[in-house]
Amino acid sequence: MTRIKRGYIARRRRTKIRLFASSFRGAHSRLTRTITQQRIRALVSAHRDRGRKKRDFRRLWITRINAGIRGKGVSHRYNIFIKNLYEKQLLLNRKILAQIAISNRSCLYTISNEIIK
């Protein structure tokens, strides 16, 4: 029987995996089995944290809006403010409201006064 040497396909596959893990430290960037495990773990973390990032930003925006509203001049709570926004059909999303609360407080006060009227 003739001898069959392994071709370049397996080596090419391992090289591709190694390129993904080139920034890892120690055995996590050198050993193929460890690289595969770390790659799976990294991709799972990336997938999970994409959802978490959206959640964290929404929490940050809500906190900023609430802090801006409870400042001087406006005596609303966040949930009442958002409810009144929707009732008056002033459809501003939380990201924009948070930017307004930081950069231009007086604009936020005028929005809240529009809601109260």
N, C-alpha and C. Protein backbone atom coordinates (compact mmCIF):
# COMPACT_ATOMS: atom_id res chain seq x y z
N MET A 1 0.83 -1.18 0.00
CA MET A 1 0.00 0.00 0.00
C MET A 1 0.87 1.24 0.00
N THR A 2 0.48 2.21 -0.75
CA THR A 2 1.29 3.42 -0.82
C THR A 2 1.05 4.30 0.39
N ARG A 3 2.07 5.04 0.70
CA ARG A 3 2.00 5.92 1.86
C ARG A 3 1.34 7.24 1.46
N ILE A 4 0.39 7.69 2.30
CA ILE A 4 -0.30 8.95 2.03
C ILE A 4 0.15 9.97 3.08
N LYS A 5 0.77 11.01 2.61
CA LYS A 5 1.16 12.10 3.51
C LYS A 5 -0.01 13.06 3.66
N ARG A 6 -0.14 13.61 4.81
CA ARG A 6 -1.21 14.59 5.02
C ARG A 6 -0.92 15.81 4.16
N GLY A 7 -1.96 16.33 3.54
CA GLY A 7 -1.80 17.47 2.65
C GLY A 7 -1.77 18.78 3.41
N TYR A 8 -1.97 19.83 2.68
CA TYR A 8 -1.85 21.17 3.24
C TYR A 8 -3.16 21.68 3.81
N ILE A 9 -4.26 20.93 3.62
CA ILE A 9 -5.58 21.45 3.99
C ILE A 9 -5.71 21.61 5.51
N ALA A 10 -5.26 20.58 6.25
CA ALA A 10 -5.35 20.67 7.71
C ALA A 10 -4.46 21.79 8.24
N ARG A 11 -3.27 21.94 7.64
CA ARG A 11 -2.36 23.00 8.06
C ARG A 11 -2.97 24.37 7.77
N ARG A 12 -3.63 24.48 6.62
CA ARG A 12 -4.25 25.75 6.25
C ARG A 12 -5.39 26.10 7.22
N ARG A 13 -6.16 25.09 7.63
CA ARG A 13 -7.25 25.31 8.58
C ARG A 13 -6.71 25.77 9.92
N ARG A 14 -5.64 25.11 10.39
CA ARG A 14 -5.05 25.50 11.68
C ARG A 14 -4.45 26.90 11.62
N THR A 15 -3.85 27.25 10.49
CA THR A 15 -3.27 28.59 10.33
C THR A 15 -4.36 29.65 10.41
N LYS A 16 -5.52 29.36 9.80
CA LYS A 16 -6.63 30.30 9.83
C LYS A 16 -7.12 30.50 11.27
N ILE A 17 -7.18 29.40 12.03
CA ILE A 17 -7.59 29.50 13.43
C ILE A 17 -6.55 30.28 14.23
N ARG A 18 -5.27 30.06 13.93
CA ARG A 18 -4.20 30.76 14.64
C ARG A 18 -4.24 32.27 14.38
N LEU A 19 -4.62 32.66 13.19
CA LEU A 19 -4.71 34.09 12.88
C LEU A 19 -5.78 34.75 13.74
N PHE A 20 -6.87 34.04 14.03
CA PHE A 20 -7.92 34.57 14.90
C PHE A 20 -7.39 34.80 16.31
N ALA A 21 -6.54 33.87 16.77
CA ALA A 21 -6.08 33.89 18.16
C ALA A 21 -4.70 34.51 18.31
N SER A 22 -4.25 35.25 17.33
CA SER A 22 -2.89 35.78 17.40
C SER A 22 -2.70 36.78 18.53
N SER A 23 -3.77 37.40 18.99
CA SER A 23 -3.64 38.39 20.06
C SER A 23 -3.78 37.77 21.45
N PHE A 24 -4.10 36.49 21.52
CA PHE A 24 -4.22 35.83 22.81
C PHE A 24 -2.84 35.58 23.40
N ARG A 25 -2.80 35.29 24.71
CA ARG A 25 -1.51 35.15 25.38
C ARG A 25 -1.21 33.69 25.69
N GLY A 26 0.06 33.34 25.64
CA GLY A 26 0.52 32.03 26.06
C GLY A 26 0.03 30.91 25.16
N ALA A 27 -0.37 29.80 25.78
CA ALA A 27 -0.82 28.63 25.03
C ALA A 27 -2.10 28.91 24.26
N HIS A 28 -2.83 29.92 24.66
CA HIS A 28 -4.08 30.26 23.98
C HIS A 28 -3.85 30.76 22.55
N SER A 29 -2.60 31.11 22.24
CA SER A 29 -2.30 31.54 20.88
C SER A 29 -1.39 30.55 20.15
N ARG A 30 -0.99 29.44 20.81
CA ARG A 30 -0.04 28.52 20.19
C ARG A 30 -0.58 27.13 19.96
N LEU A 31 -1.35 26.61 20.91
CA LEU A 31 -1.81 25.23 20.82
C LEU A 31 -3.18 25.17 20.15
N THR A 32 -3.30 24.28 19.17
CA THR A 32 -4.50 24.26 18.33
C THR A 32 -5.76 23.96 19.13
N ARG A 33 -5.70 22.99 20.01
CA ARG A 33 -6.89 22.62 20.77
C ARG A 33 -7.32 23.75 21.71
N THR A 34 -6.33 24.36 22.35
CA THR A 34 -6.62 25.47 23.25
C THR A 34 -7.14 26.68 22.47
N ILE A 35 -6.57 26.91 21.30
CA ILE A 35 -7.03 28.01 20.45
C ILE A 35 -8.50 27.82 20.10
N THR A 36 -8.87 26.59 19.76
CA THR A 36 -10.26 26.31 19.38
C THR A 36 -11.20 26.59 20.54
N GLN A 37 -10.82 26.17 21.74
CA GLN A 37 -11.66 26.41 22.91
C GLN A 37 -11.79 27.90 23.20
N GLN A 38 -10.68 28.61 23.12
CA GLN A 38 -10.71 30.04 23.41
C GLN A 38 -11.49 30.81 22.34
N ARG A 39 -11.41 30.33 21.11
CA ARG A 39 -12.15 30.97 20.02
C ARG A 39 -13.65 30.84 20.26
N ILE A 40 -14.10 29.65 20.64
CA ILE A 40 -15.51 29.44 20.94
C ILE A 40 -15.94 30.35 22.08
N ARG A 41 -15.10 30.42 23.10
CA ARG A 41 -15.43 31.24 24.26
C ARG A 41 -15.49 32.72 23.91
N ALA A 42 -14.56 33.16 23.07
CA ALA A 42 -14.54 34.57 22.65
C ALA A 42 -15.77 34.92 21.83
N LEU A 43 -16.17 34.03 20.94
CA LEU A 43 -17.34 34.31 20.11
C LEU A 43 -18.63 34.30 20.94
N VAL A 44 -18.70 33.43 21.93
CA VAL A 44 -19.86 33.41 22.82
C VAL A 44 -19.95 34.71 23.61
N SER A 45 -18.80 35.16 24.12
CA SER A 45 -18.78 36.41 24.89
C SER A 45 -19.17 37.59 24.01
N ALA A 46 -18.68 37.61 22.77
CA ALA A 46 -19.00 38.71 21.87
C ALA A 46 -20.49 38.74 21.56
N HIS A 47 -21.07 37.58 21.36
CA HIS A 47 -22.50 37.50 21.05
C HIS A 47 -23.34 37.97 22.24
N ARG A 48 -22.95 37.51 23.44
CA ARG A 48 -23.69 37.89 24.64
C ARG A 48 -23.57 39.39 24.91
N ASP A 49 -22.38 39.94 24.73
CA ASP A 49 -22.15 41.33 25.11
C ASP A 49 -22.70 42.32 24.10
N ARG A 50 -23.03 41.87 22.89
CA ARG A 50 -23.70 42.77 21.96
C ARG A 50 -25.08 43.13 22.49
N GLY A 51 -25.78 42.15 23.04
CA GLY A 51 -27.08 42.43 23.65
C GLY A 51 -26.94 43.24 24.93
N ARG A 52 -25.92 42.92 25.71
CA ARG A 52 -25.70 43.63 26.97
C ARG A 52 -25.35 45.10 26.74
N LYS A 53 -24.64 45.37 25.65
CA LYS A 53 -24.26 46.75 25.34
C LYS A 53 -25.49 47.61 25.10
N LYS A 54 -26.45 47.07 24.36
CA LYS A 54 -27.69 47.80 24.10
C LYS A 54 -28.42 48.09 25.41
N ARG A 55 -28.44 47.06 26.28
CA ARG A 55 -29.11 47.20 27.57
C ARG A 55 -28.44 48.27 28.43
N ASP A 56 -27.09 48.26 28.45
CA ASP A 56 -26.35 49.20 29.27
C ASP A 56 -26.54 50.64 28.80
N PHE A 57 -26.54 50.83 27.47
CA PHE A 57 -26.74 52.18 26.97
C PHE A 57 -28.13 52.69 27.29
N ARG A 58 -29.13 51.82 27.18
CA ARG A 58 -30.49 52.25 27.52
C ARG A 58 -30.58 52.66 28.99
N ARG A 59 -29.94 51.90 29.88
CA ARG A 59 -29.91 52.26 31.30
C ARG A 59 -29.24 53.60 31.52
N LEU A 60 -28.14 53.84 30.79
CA LEU A 60 -27.41 55.10 30.92
C LEU A 60 -28.28 56.27 30.47
N TRP A 61 -28.97 56.11 29.34
CA TRP A 61 -29.83 57.18 28.83
C TRP A 61 -30.95 57.48 29.82
N ILE A 62 -31.56 56.43 30.38
CA ILE A 62 -32.64 56.63 31.34
C ILE A 62 -32.15 57.37 32.57
N THR A 63 -30.96 57.01 33.04
CA THR A 63 -30.38 57.67 34.21
C THR A 63 -30.13 59.15 33.94
N ARG A 64 -29.60 59.45 32.76
CA ARG A 64 -29.32 60.85 32.41
C ARG A 64 -30.60 61.67 32.27
N ILE A 65 -31.60 61.07 31.66
CA ILE A 65 -32.89 61.78 31.52
C ILE A 65 -33.49 62.05 32.89
N ASN A 66 -33.47 61.05 33.74
CA ASN A 66 -34.04 61.19 35.08
C ASN A 66 -33.30 62.26 35.88
N ALA A 67 -31.97 62.29 35.76
CA ALA A 67 -31.19 63.30 36.47
C ALA A 67 -31.50 64.70 35.94
N GLY A 68 -31.67 64.80 34.62
CA GLY A 68 -31.99 66.10 34.04
C GLY A 68 -33.37 66.58 34.42
N ILE A 69 -34.31 65.66 34.50
CA ILE A 69 -35.68 66.02 34.83
C ILE A 69 -35.81 66.45 36.28
N ARG A 70 -35.14 65.73 37.15
CA ARG A 70 -35.28 66.02 38.59
C ARG A 70 -34.49 67.24 39.03
N GLY A 71 -33.76 67.84 38.11
CA GLY A 71 -33.05 69.07 38.44
C GLY A 71 -34.01 70.21 38.68
N LYS A 72 -33.45 71.38 38.85
CA LYS A 72 -34.30 72.54 39.15
C LYS A 72 -35.22 72.85 37.97
N GLY A 73 -36.40 73.27 38.29
CA GLY A 73 -37.34 73.69 37.26
C GLY A 73 -38.36 72.64 36.87
N VAL A 74 -38.00 71.37 36.97
CA VAL A 74 -38.92 70.31 36.56
C VAL A 74 -39.09 69.37 37.73
N SER A 75 -40.32 69.04 38.04
CA SER A 75 -40.56 68.19 39.21
C SER A 75 -41.21 66.87 38.81
N HIS A 76 -40.84 66.35 37.65
CA HIS A 76 -41.38 65.08 37.20
C HIS A 76 -40.48 63.94 37.63
N ARG A 77 -41.07 62.75 37.58
CA ARG A 77 -40.26 61.55 37.63
C ARG A 77 -40.13 61.04 36.20
N TYR A 78 -39.20 60.14 35.98
CA TYR A 78 -38.90 59.66 34.63
C TYR A 78 -40.12 59.00 33.99
N ASN A 79 -40.77 58.11 34.74
CA ASN A 79 -41.86 57.35 34.12
C ASN A 79 -43.04 58.25 33.75
N ILE A 80 -43.32 59.25 34.57
CA ILE A 80 -44.40 60.19 34.26
C ILE A 80 -44.03 61.04 33.05
N PHE A 81 -42.77 61.43 32.99
CA PHE A 81 -42.28 62.24 31.87
C PHE A 81 -42.44 61.48 30.54
N ILE A 82 -42.04 60.21 30.50
CA ILE A 82 -42.14 59.41 29.28
C ILE A 82 -43.60 59.16 28.92
N LYS A 83 -44.41 58.90 29.93
CA LYS A 83 -45.84 58.67 29.68
C LYS A 83 -46.48 59.90 29.05
N ASN A 84 -46.18 61.06 29.60
CA ASN A 84 -46.73 62.31 29.06
C ASN A 84 -46.19 62.61 27.66
N LEU A 85 -44.93 62.23 27.42
CA LEU A 85 -44.37 62.40 26.07
C LEU A 85 -45.18 61.63 25.04
N TYR A 86 -45.50 60.38 25.37
CA TYR A 86 -46.26 59.56 24.44
C TYR A 86 -47.70 60.05 24.30
N GLU A 87 -48.28 60.55 25.37
CA GLU A 87 -49.65 61.07 25.28
C GLU A 87 -49.73 62.32 24.40
N LYS A 88 -48.70 63.16 24.48
CA LYS A 88 -48.67 64.37 23.65
C LYS A 88 -48.11 64.09 22.26
N GLN A 89 -47.71 62.86 22.01
CA GLN A 89 -47.16 62.41 20.73
C GLN A 89 -45.89 63.18 20.34
N LEU A 90 -45.09 63.52 21.32
CA LEU A 90 -43.75 64.06 21.08
C LEU A 90 -42.79 62.88 21.09
N LEU A 91 -42.62 62.26 19.96
CA LEU A 91 -41.88 61.00 19.91
C LEU A 91 -40.38 61.28 19.77
N LEU A 92 -39.74 61.46 20.90
CA LEU A 92 -38.29 61.59 20.96
C LEU A 92 -37.75 60.34 21.65
N ASN A 93 -36.75 59.73 21.05
CA ASN A 93 -36.22 58.53 21.70
C ASN A 93 -35.31 58.89 22.87
N ARG A 94 -34.97 57.90 23.66
CA ARG A 94 -34.23 58.13 24.89
C ARG A 94 -32.82 58.63 24.64
N LYS A 95 -32.23 58.19 23.54
CA LYS A 95 -30.87 58.63 23.21
C LYS A 95 -30.83 60.14 22.98
N ILE A 96 -31.77 60.64 22.20
CA ILE A 96 -31.83 62.08 21.92
C ILE A 96 -32.16 62.86 23.18
N LEU A 97 -33.10 62.36 23.98
CA LEU A 97 -33.45 63.04 25.22
C LEU A 97 -32.26 63.10 26.18
N ALA A 98 -31.45 62.04 26.22
CA ALA A 98 -30.27 62.04 27.08
C ALA A 98 -29.25 63.06 26.61
N GLN A 99 -29.08 63.18 25.29
CA GLN A 99 -28.15 64.19 24.77
C GLN A 99 -28.64 65.60 25.08
N ILE A 100 -29.95 65.80 24.97
CA ILE A 100 -30.52 67.11 25.31
C ILE A 100 -30.33 67.39 26.79
N ALA A 101 -30.52 66.37 27.63
CA ALA A 101 -30.38 66.56 29.08
C ALA A 101 -28.96 66.97 29.45
N ILE A 102 -27.97 66.46 28.72
CA ILE A 102 -26.58 66.80 29.03
C ILE A 102 -26.19 68.15 28.45
N SER A 103 -26.47 68.34 27.16
CA SER A 103 -25.93 69.51 26.48
C SER A 103 -26.79 70.76 26.65
N ASN A 104 -28.12 70.60 26.69
CA ASN A 104 -28.99 71.77 26.65
C ASN A 104 -30.15 71.58 27.63
N ARG A 105 -29.89 71.91 28.88
CA ARG A 105 -30.91 71.71 29.92
C ARG A 105 -32.15 72.56 29.68
N SER A 106 -31.96 73.77 29.19
CA SER A 106 -33.11 74.66 29.00
C SER A 106 -34.07 74.09 27.95
N CYS A 107 -33.53 73.40 26.96
CA CYS A 107 -34.38 72.76 25.95
C CYS A 107 -35.21 71.65 26.59
N LEU A 108 -34.60 70.92 27.51
CA LEU A 108 -35.32 69.86 28.22
C LEU A 108 -36.44 70.47 29.07
N TYR A 109 -36.18 71.62 29.68
CA TYR A 109 -37.21 72.29 30.47
C TYR A 109 -38.37 72.73 29.59
N THR A 110 -38.08 73.24 28.40
CA THR A 110 -39.17 73.66 27.51
C THR A 110 -39.99 72.46 27.04
N ILE A 111 -39.32 71.33 26.80
CA ILE A 111 -40.05 70.11 26.42
C ILE A 111 -40.97 69.69 27.55
N SER A 112 -40.46 69.71 28.77
CA SER A 112 -41.29 69.29 29.91
C SER A 112 -42.44 70.26 30.16
N ASN A 113 -42.20 71.54 29.92
CA ASN A 113 -43.28 72.52 30.08
C ASN A 113 -44.36 72.33 29.02
N GLU A 114 -43.96 71.94 27.81
CA GLU A 114 -44.94 71.62 26.76
C GLU A 114 -45.81 70.45 27.18
N ILE A 115 -45.21 69.50 27.84
CA ILE A 115 -45.95 68.32 28.28
C ILE A 115 -46.95 68.68 29.36
N ILE A 116 -46.54 69.55 30.27
CA ILE A 116 -47.41 69.90 31.41
C ILE A 116 -48.64 70.65 30.95
N LYS A 117 -48.50 71.49 29.92
CA LYS A 117 -49.64 72.31 29.46
C LYS A 117 -50.77 71.45 28.90
